[in-house]
Protein backbone atom coordinates (compact mmCIF):
# COMPACT_ATOMS: atom_id res chain seq x y z
CA MET A 1 17.12 100.61 82.22
CA GLN A 2 20.72 101.33 81.57
CA ASP A 3 22.28 104.51 82.91
CA SER A 4 19.21 105.28 84.99
CA ASN A 5 19.21 107.99 87.61
CA THR A 6 16.41 107.46 90.08
CA GLU A 7 15.73 109.71 93.01
CA SER A 8 15.44 107.73 96.24
CA SER A 9 12.29 105.78 95.47
CA THR A 10 10.31 103.36 97.54
CA VAL A 11 8.09 102.52 94.56
CA ALA A 12 8.22 98.83 93.68
CA LYS A 13 9.21 98.31 90.05
CA LEU A 14 7.11 96.10 87.82
CA ASP A 15 8.53 93.46 85.50
CA THR A 16 5.56 93.47 83.14
CA PRO A 17 6.23 92.39 79.54
CA LYS A 18 5.74 95.09 76.89
CA ASP A 19 3.06 92.98 75.22
CA ALA A 20 0.90 93.24 78.35
CA TRP A 21 0.98 97.06 78.16
CA ARG A 22 0.15 96.87 74.44
CA GLN A 23 -3.11 95.13 75.38
CA LEU A 24 -4.05 97.97 77.75
CA LEU A 25 -2.99 101.14 75.94
CA SER A 26 -4.31 102.79 72.79
CA THR A 27 -2.29 102.44 69.60
CA GLU A 28 -0.78 105.92 70.06
CA GLY A 29 -0.21 105.21 73.76
CA CYS A 30 1.80 102.10 72.83
CA ARG A 31 3.83 104.03 70.26
CA VAL A 32 4.83 106.58 72.89
CA VAL A 33 4.85 104.75 76.25
CA VAL A 34 6.13 101.34 75.10
CA ASP A 35 8.10 102.18 71.94
CA GLU A 36 9.46 105.54 73.23
CA GLY A 37 7.93 107.63 70.46
CA THR A 38 6.80 111.27 70.54
CA GLU A 39 3.30 112.54 69.85
CA PRO A 40 2.84 115.60 67.61
CA ALA A 41 3.07 118.97 69.37
CA PHE A 42 -0.29 120.50 70.34
CA SER A 43 -2.08 117.16 69.84
CA SER A 44 -3.00 116.54 73.50
CA SER A 45 -5.83 118.22 75.37
CA LEU A 46 -3.67 117.89 78.50
CA ASN A 47 -1.43 120.63 77.11
CA THR A 48 -4.13 123.17 78.06
CA GLU A 49 -5.40 121.37 81.19
CA THR A 50 -5.65 123.90 84.05
CA ARG A 51 -7.79 122.17 86.67
CA VAL A 52 -6.33 121.18 90.05
CA GLY A 53 -5.38 117.52 90.17
CA THR A 54 -2.78 114.85 89.54
CA PHE A 55 -1.20 113.58 86.33
CA LEU A 56 -0.69 109.80 86.34
CA CYS A 57 1.30 107.42 84.18
CA ALA A 58 -1.18 106.25 81.52
CA ALA A 59 0.12 102.69 81.78
CA CYS A 60 0.30 101.85 85.49
CA PHE A 61 -1.49 104.88 87.00
CA LEU A 62 1.40 105.90 89.28
CA PRO A 63 1.05 109.63 90.12
CA LEU A 64 3.88 111.51 88.38
CA PHE A 65 3.05 115.23 88.57
CA GLU A 66 0.85 117.56 90.61
CA SER A 67 -0.99 120.26 88.67
CA THR A 68 0.70 122.90 90.82
CA SER A 69 3.97 122.22 88.94
CA LYS A 70 2.40 122.50 85.46
CA PHE A 71 3.15 125.53 83.30
CA ASP A 72 2.67 126.65 79.69
CA SER A 73 6.05 126.19 78.04
CA GLY A 74 4.76 127.14 74.59
CA THR A 75 6.21 123.89 73.19
CA GLY A 76 2.90 122.12 72.55
CA TRP A 77 3.42 119.41 75.17
CA PRO A 78 2.27 119.35 78.81
CA SER A 79 5.19 120.73 80.84
CA PHE A 80 6.03 120.59 84.53
CA TYR A 81 8.87 122.07 86.59
CA SER A 82 9.01 119.14 89.02
CA ALA A 83 7.92 115.52 89.26
CA ILE A 84 6.65 113.75 92.35
CA GLU A 85 9.83 112.76 94.16
CA GLY A 86 11.02 109.26 93.33
CA HIS A 87 8.33 108.62 90.70
CA VAL A 88 10.42 109.14 87.54
CA GLU A 89 13.83 107.90 86.45
CA THR A 90 16.08 109.37 83.81
CA LYS A 91 18.60 108.18 81.24
CA ARG A 92 20.59 109.77 78.42
CA ASP A 93 19.03 109.60 74.97
CA PHE A 94 21.12 109.91 71.81
CA LYS A 95 18.30 109.24 69.29
CA LEU A 96 18.63 112.74 67.78
CA VAL A 97 22.47 112.70 67.80
CA LEU A 98 22.67 115.43 70.45
CA PRO A 99 22.26 113.95 73.92
CA ARG A 100 19.02 114.58 75.78
CA THR A 101 17.71 113.30 79.09
CA GLU A 102 14.59 111.19 78.79
CA TYR A 103 12.47 110.15 81.73
CA HIS A 104 10.26 107.19 82.45
CA CYS A 105 7.75 106.13 85.07
CA VAL A 106 9.83 104.51 87.81
CA ARG A 107 7.20 101.82 88.41
CA CYS A 108 6.47 100.44 84.92
CA GLY A 109 9.28 102.01 82.85
CA GLY A 110 6.77 103.73 80.55
CA HIS A 111 8.34 106.49 78.44
CA GLN A 112 7.02 109.93 79.36
CA GLY A 113 9.20 112.51 77.63
CA HIS A 114 12.39 114.54 78.08
CA VAL A 115 13.62 116.90 80.77
CA PHE A 116 15.44 120.12 79.92
CA SER A 117 17.21 122.82 81.96
CA ASP A 118 15.18 125.74 80.59
CA GLY A 119 12.18 125.64 82.94
CA PRO A 120 10.92 128.22 85.40
CA GLU A 121 11.83 128.69 89.03
CA PRO A 122 11.94 127.15 91.53
CA THR A 123 13.72 124.21 89.79
CA GLY A 124 14.77 125.52 86.38
CA GLN A 125 13.63 122.17 84.95
CA ARG A 126 11.11 121.51 82.16
CA TYR A 127 9.65 118.02 82.12
CA CYS A 128 8.24 117.97 78.58
CA ASN A 129 5.67 115.16 78.64
CA ASN A 130 3.74 113.36 75.94
CA GLY A 131 0.07 113.91 76.77
CA VAL A 132 -0.88 110.39 75.65
CA ALA A 133 1.53 109.04 78.30
CA LEU A 134 -0.49 110.74 81.05
CA ARG A 135 -3.93 110.44 82.60
CA PHE A 136 -5.35 113.43 84.49
CA VAL A 137 -7.45 113.03 87.64
CA GLN A 138 -9.13 116.10 89.18
CA ASP A 139 -8.72 116.61 92.92
CA SER A 140 -12.48 116.06 93.37
CA GLU A 141 -12.11 112.51 91.96
CA THR A 142 -10.57 109.43 93.55
CA LEU A 143 -7.26 108.28 92.10
CA PRO A 144 -7.60 104.88 90.41
CA GLU A 145 -5.88 101.85 91.86
CA LEU A 146 -2.44 101.19 90.44
CA ARG A 147 -2.48 98.64 87.65
CA ASP A 148 0.24 96.10 87.02
CA GLY A 149 -0.21 95.29 83.35
CA GLY A 150 -2.57 92.37 83.92
CA VAL A 151 -4.93 92.16 80.97
CA SER A 152 -8.12 91.64 82.93
CA VAL A 153 -8.78 95.40 83.04
CA GLU A 154 -10.41 97.50 80.35
CA ARG A 155 -8.27 98.73 77.44
CA ASP A 156 -7.73 102.48 77.03
CA SER A 157 -9.51 103.95 74.02
């Protein structure tokens, strides 16, 4: 990614072709994660998710957010005030003329959403995430193994 700003990460980056992710993700997941689209506000059940757990990248399953950093921003998208350190990277986005900061999974490059400086303490940040770009795993469940884009695994519905 050009102009990326990655916190010190020890996560190995994948070089998986976009077509491989297209075979694993739902149609809407591809539109958002691969093609950097945005889902409609209030369309994801993860917006109201309140259980304790971890939010993973829907493509490669890298943990991105802990539920303890989730808050109701009123925007209609799952929002967090901090990401797991080194698990997201950012770049400037000029798609809407005014510059914004978008962020991606540091491992697979999957588009997640945009980060703004209007979040709550302690960080003042609001990671505004597309719900379809995330997978939620409750603390009582085992996190899935990371996937690398190989097409031998089951497609998301």
